[in-house]
Each structure stands twice: as C-alpha cells, then as structure tokens.
Protein backbone atom coordinates (compact mmCIF):
# COMPACT_ATOMS: atom_id res chain seq x y z
CA THR A 1 65.78 75.71 -0.40
CA LEU A 2 65.02 79.34 -0.98
CA SER A 3 67.85 80.38 1.30
CA LEU A 4 70.25 78.12 -0.53
CA SER A 5 69.42 79.62 -3.93
CA LEU A 6 69.88 83.23 -2.63
CA SER A 7 73.18 85.01 -2.18
CA PRO A 8 75.04 84.83 1.16
CA SER A 9 74.38 88.46 2.04
CA LEU A 10 70.73 88.18 1.44
CA SER A 11 70.53 84.99 3.45
CA LEU A 12 72.29 86.71 6.37
CA SER A 13 69.82 89.58 6.28
CA VAL A 14 66.90 87.24 6.18
CA THR A 15 68.31 85.33 9.14
CA LEU A 16 68.70 88.53 11.13
CA TYR A 17 65.18 89.58 10.29
CA LEU A 18 63.79 86.25 11.37
CA SER A 19 65.73 86.38 14.68
CA ILE A 20 64.58 89.93 15.41
CA SER A 21 61.00 89.10 14.62
CA LEU A 22 61.23 86.02 16.83
CA SER A 23 62.60 88.05 19.77
CA VAL A 24 59.93 90.69 19.31
CA SER A 25 57.24 88.07 19.21
CA LEU A 26 58.64 86.45 22.34
CA SER A 27 58.72 89.75 24.21
CA LEU A 28 55.18 90.53 23.13
CA THR A 29 54.07 87.10 24.22
CA ALA A 30 55.70 87.55 27.66
CA ALA A 31 54.08 90.95 28.07
CA CYS A 32 50.74 89.53 27.16
CA LEU A 33 51.21 86.70 29.62
CA ARG A 34 52.16 89.11 32.45
CA ALA A 35 49.18 91.28 31.68
CA CYS A 36 46.89 88.29 31.66
CA ALA A 37 48.39 87.06 34.90
CA GLN A 38 47.86 90.45 36.56
CA ILE A 39 44.28 90.51 35.29
CA ASP A 40 43.78 86.98 36.58
CA LEU A 41 45.28 87.86 39.99
CA ARG A 42 43.04 90.90 40.26
CA ASN A 43 40.05 88.86 39.39
CA VAL A 44 40.90 85.95 41.73
CA PRO A 45 38.33 85.73 44.58
CA GLU A 46 39.44 86.18 48.25
CA ASP A 47 38.35 82.70 49.29
CA VAL A 48 40.59 81.12 46.67
CA VAL A 49 43.55 83.21 47.84
CA LYS A 50 42.95 82.34 51.53
CA GLY A 51 42.67 78.66 50.64
CA THR A 52 46.10 78.50 49.01
CA THR A 53 49.04 77.00 50.89
CA ASP A 54 51.18 80.10 50.26
CA TYR A 55 48.61 82.29 51.99
CA LYS A 56 48.41 79.89 54.93
CA CYS A 57 52.21 79.80 55.20
CA LEU A 58 52.35 83.59 55.04
CA GLN A 59 49.57 83.84 57.62
CA SER A 60 51.37 81.49 60.02
CA GLN A 61 54.63 83.38 59.53
CA PHE A 62 52.80 86.67 60.09
CA SER A 63 51.27 85.29 63.30
CA LEU A 64 54.66 84.18 64.54
CA LEU A 65 56.23 87.51 63.64
CA TYR A 66 53.34 89.38 65.25
CA ASN A 67 53.66 87.37 68.47
CA GLU A 68 57.41 87.93 68.45
CA SER A 69 56.87 91.64 67.87
CA LEU A 70 54.45 91.72 70.83
CA GLN A 71 57.02 89.94 73.00
CA VAL A 72 59.73 92.32 71.84
CA LYS A 73 57.44 95.27 72.55
CA THR A 74 56.72 93.91 76.03
CA GLN A 75 60.44 93.44 76.64
CA LEU A 76 61.07 96.92 75.32
CA ASP A 77 58.49 98.39 77.70
CA GLU A 78 60.00 96.44 80.59
CA ALA A 79 63.47 97.58 79.59
CA ARG A 80 62.27 101.19 79.41
CA ALA A 81 60.62 100.89 82.83
CA LEU A 82 63.77 99.31 84.27
CA LEU A 83 65.91 102.00 82.66
CA LEU A 84 63.68 104.72 84.08
CA SER A 85 63.74 103.20 87.58
CA THR A 86 67.49 102.71 87.36
CA LYS A 87 67.91 106.29 86.19
CA ASN A 88 65.78 107.59 89.07
CA ALA A 89 67.66 105.42 91.57
CA HIS A 90 70.95 106.59 90.12
CA LEU A 91 69.86 110.24 90.39
CA ARG A 92 68.78 109.70 94.00
CA GLN A 93 72.08 108.01 94.74
CA ILE A 94 73.96 110.89 93.15
CA GLU A 95 71.98 113.39 95.25
CA HIS A 96 72.67 111.36 98.39
CA MET A 97 76.38 111.15 97.54
CA GLU A 98 76.51 114.89 96.87
CA SER A 99 74.84 115.63 100.19
CA ASP A 100 77.23 113.24 101.97
CA GLU A 101 80.17 114.85 100.23
CA LEU A 102 78.97 118.29 101.26
CA ASN A 103 78.57 117.17 104.88
CA LEU A 104 82.00 115.56 104.84
CA GLN A 105 83.53 118.71 103.40
CA LYS A 106 81.93 120.78 106.14
CA LYS A 107 83.14 118.34 108.79
CA LEU A 108 86.62 118.27 107.29
CA ARG A 109 86.73 122.05 107.16
CA THR A 110 85.70 122.24 110.82
CA GLU A 111 88.34 119.68 111.82
CA VAL A 112 91.00 121.54 109.83
CA ILE A 113 90.11 124.80 111.60
CA GLN A 114 90.25 123.05 115.00
CA LEU A 115 93.60 121.48 114.14
CA GLU A 116 94.96 124.83 113.02
CA ASP A 117 93.86 126.39 116.32
CA THR A 118 95.42 123.51 118.25
CA LEU A 119 98.62 123.83 116.24
CA ALA A 120 98.80 127.56 116.95
CA GLN A 121 98.27 126.92 120.67
CA VAL A 122 100.91 124.18 120.69
CA ARG A 123 103.34 126.49 118.93
CA LYS A 124 102.75 129.18 121.55
CA GLU A 125 103.29 126.67 124.36
CA TYR A 126 106.41 125.37 122.64
CA GLU A 127 107.75 128.90 122.31
CA MET A 128 107.06 129.60 125.99
CA LEU A 129 108.71 126.33 127.03
CA ARG A 130 111.70 127.09 124.82
CA ILE A 131 112.11 130.53 126.38
CA GLU A 132 111.77 129.04 129.87
CA PHE A 133 114.28 126.32 129.03
CA GLU A 134 116.76 128.88 127.75
CA GLN A 135 116.29 130.95 130.90
CA ASN A 136 116.78 127.89 133.12
CA LEU A 137 119.81 126.86 131.11
CA ALA A 138 121.34 130.31 131.47
CA ALA A 139 120.55 130.31 135.21
CA ASN A 140 122.11 126.86 135.60
CA GLU A 141 125.18 127.98 133.71
CA GLN A 142 125.48 131.00 136.03
CA ALA A 143 124.79 128.93 139.15
CA GLY A 144 127.23 126.19 138.14
CA PRO A 145 130.39 127.74 139.67
CA ILE A 146 128.48 128.74 142.82
CA ASN A 147 127.18 125.20 143.22
CA ARG A 148 130.66 123.79 142.77
CA GLU A 149 132.05 126.17 145.39
CA MET A 150 129.24 125.28 147.79
CA ARG A 151 129.85 121.54 147.31
CA HIS A 152 133.56 122.06 147.86
CA LEU A 153 132.89 124.08 151.03
CA ILE A 154 130.44 121.47 152.33
CA ASN A 155 132.93 118.68 151.68
CA SER A 156 135.72 120.60 153.46
CA LEU A 157 133.45 121.28 156.46
CA GLN A 158 132.45 117.61 156.62
CA ASN A 159 136.11 116.56 156.54
CA HIS A 160 136.92 119.10 159.27
CA ASN A 161 134.05 117.77 161.43
CA HIS A 162 135.34 114.21 161.01
CA GLN A 163 138.78 115.34 162.07
CA LEU A 164 137.37 117.15 165.12
CA LYS A 165 135.38 114.06 166.12
CA GLY A 166 138.54 111.97 165.88
CA ASP A 167 140.44 114.48 168.02
CA VAL A 168 137.68 114.48 170.64
CA GLN A 169 137.72 110.67 170.83
CA ARG A 170 141.50 110.69 171.15
CA TYR A 171 141.41 113.34 173.92
CA LYS A 172 138.78 111.37 175.82
CA ARG A 173 140.86 108.27 175.64
CA LYS A 174 143.94 110.19 176.92
CA LEU A 175 141.83 111.69 179.73
CA ARG A 176 140.70 108.26 180.84
CA GLU A 177 144.29 107.04 180.80
CA ALA A 178 145.45 110.09 182.81
CA GLN A 179 142.71 109.57 185.39
CA ALA A 180 143.69 105.92 185.74
CA GLU A 181 147.36 106.88 186.25
CA ILE A 182 146.40 109.56 188.81
CA SER A 183 144.37 107.06 190.80
CA LYS A 184 147.23 104.56 190.72
CA ALA A 185 149.71 107.22 191.89
CA ARG A 186 147.46 108.20 194.75
CA MET A 187 147.15 104.57 195.88
CA HIS A 188 150.90 104.18 195.66
CA CYS A 189 151.74 107.43 197.50
CA TYR A 190 149.09 107.19 200.19
CA PRO A 191 148.56 103.51 201.00
CA GLN A 192 147.61 104.29 204.66
CA LEU A 193 144.88 106.52 203.38
CA GLY A 194 143.23 103.76 201.44
CA GLY A 195 139.88 104.24 203.16
CA SER A 196 140.06 107.99 202.99
CA ALA A 197 141.39 107.77 199.43
CA SER A 198 138.55 105.49 198.57
CA SER A 199 136.16 107.99 200.11
CA VAL A 200 137.86 110.86 198.44
CA GLY A 201 138.22 108.96 195.12
CA PRO A 202 134.69 109.46 193.86
CA SER A 203 134.79 113.19 194.49
CA SER A 204 138.14 113.48 192.78
CA SER A 205 136.98 111.31 189.94
CA SER A 206 133.87 113.41 189.64
CA SER A 207 135.97 116.57 189.66
CA SER A 208 138.36 115.03 187.16
CA SER A 209 135.44 113.96 185.00
CA ALA A 210 134.01 117.48 185.26
CA ALA A 211 137.34 118.89 184.17
CA PRO A 212 137.48 116.92 180.90
CA SER A 213 133.92 117.81 180.17
CA SER A 214 134.76 121.48 180.64
CA SER A 215 137.90 121.03 178.58
CA SER A 216 135.99 119.19 175.88
CA SER A 217 133.34 121.89 175.89
CA SER A 218 135.96 124.58 175.70
CA GLY A 219 137.95 122.73 172.99
CA GLY A 220 134.97 122.22 170.70
CA PRO A 221 134.72 123.88 167.35
C-alpha cells in the first residue's frame, strides 16, 4: 500500500534497493555457509571420514589405481630390460656385421688383385699367341706357292710313273709274244731237230728271258 501511494520513480528506487539488499544478504549467507562448512570439515573426526561411503569408494579406486600403477611400473621395467637387451643384441649384431663386411672386403680385394694378375697374364699370352699366329700366317702365305709347285711336281711324277709302269707291262707282253713266235718258227724250220730243239729250247728261252730282263733294266727310268 505504501508503494502504491508513492510516485513511480520512488517505487522503482525502493524496488532496486530491496533487490540489492536481498542479493547482498544472499551472498553473505552463502559465504557464511561455506565458512561454516569448512569449519565443520576441519573439525570432522578421522573415523567419521573413513566411515563414509565416499571415502570407501575413493579408497577402493585408489587401491585399483595403485595396483594398476604397480603393474604398469612392472611392465615398464620389463620393457626397459627388453629394450636394453635388444639394444645390446643389436649392437653386437652390428659389430658382427661390420667385422664380416671388413673380412668380405679384404677377401674381395684379394680376389680382385688375383683376377687382375690373371688378366694381365692372359693378355700377355694372348699377345704372344697373336704374334705367333701372324708369323705362322705370313710363313704360310710365303710357303703357299712353294707347296703348290711341290704338289704339282709330285702329281706329274706320279703320272709319269704310272705311264712308265704301263709301258713296262706292254713291253713284257710284247716280249712274251715275240718269244712264242720265235719258238714256233724254230719248230717250223727245224722239225727234224725237235729233240735237239727241245733240249736247246730251255737255254734259248732262258737267254731270251735274260735279254728282256736286261732290256727292261736298261729301259727303266
């Protein structure tokens, strides 16, 4: 009723004052409550706190987290040990590989030197064989006409020998025919001297056979 009888501006100011005072009182009340709550929490005994469900839940969660942290720590230690052993094994393997590589390099270097020596020796032998081949080729080229002349001469001599053998055979055959004709003529001219002719025949035949042999020996090449 008082607010209705006052002016509108005054009523608005009164309303604002009441709202501000109400907010201040509320803030003061909240501060007082927080302070009282802090004082109460500080004064709460330990047995009461441990008996609360929140404390038990927090304790169980802490136990679980602590056990998990222990497991994680154990796993971390195992992982560190495994990493260290792996690192050592890897370093040993690297040292072994480096030593093997060094040995292989030495072996390869030795083989390369041996192959170079062998290649140089093969080149020398090839050069010697090439020179010898060229010399033989030049000698064969020079001896080619001489060899052809020798073959031609040998062929001509062989042909001449064949001709001489044919002539000798023909002369022998003519000699035999002449001897046969001579013996027939003697038998025809001297029939009464058949016995004497027969006795004389071998000597004459021997003499006649000696004559062709002498003629053949004298007519040889």
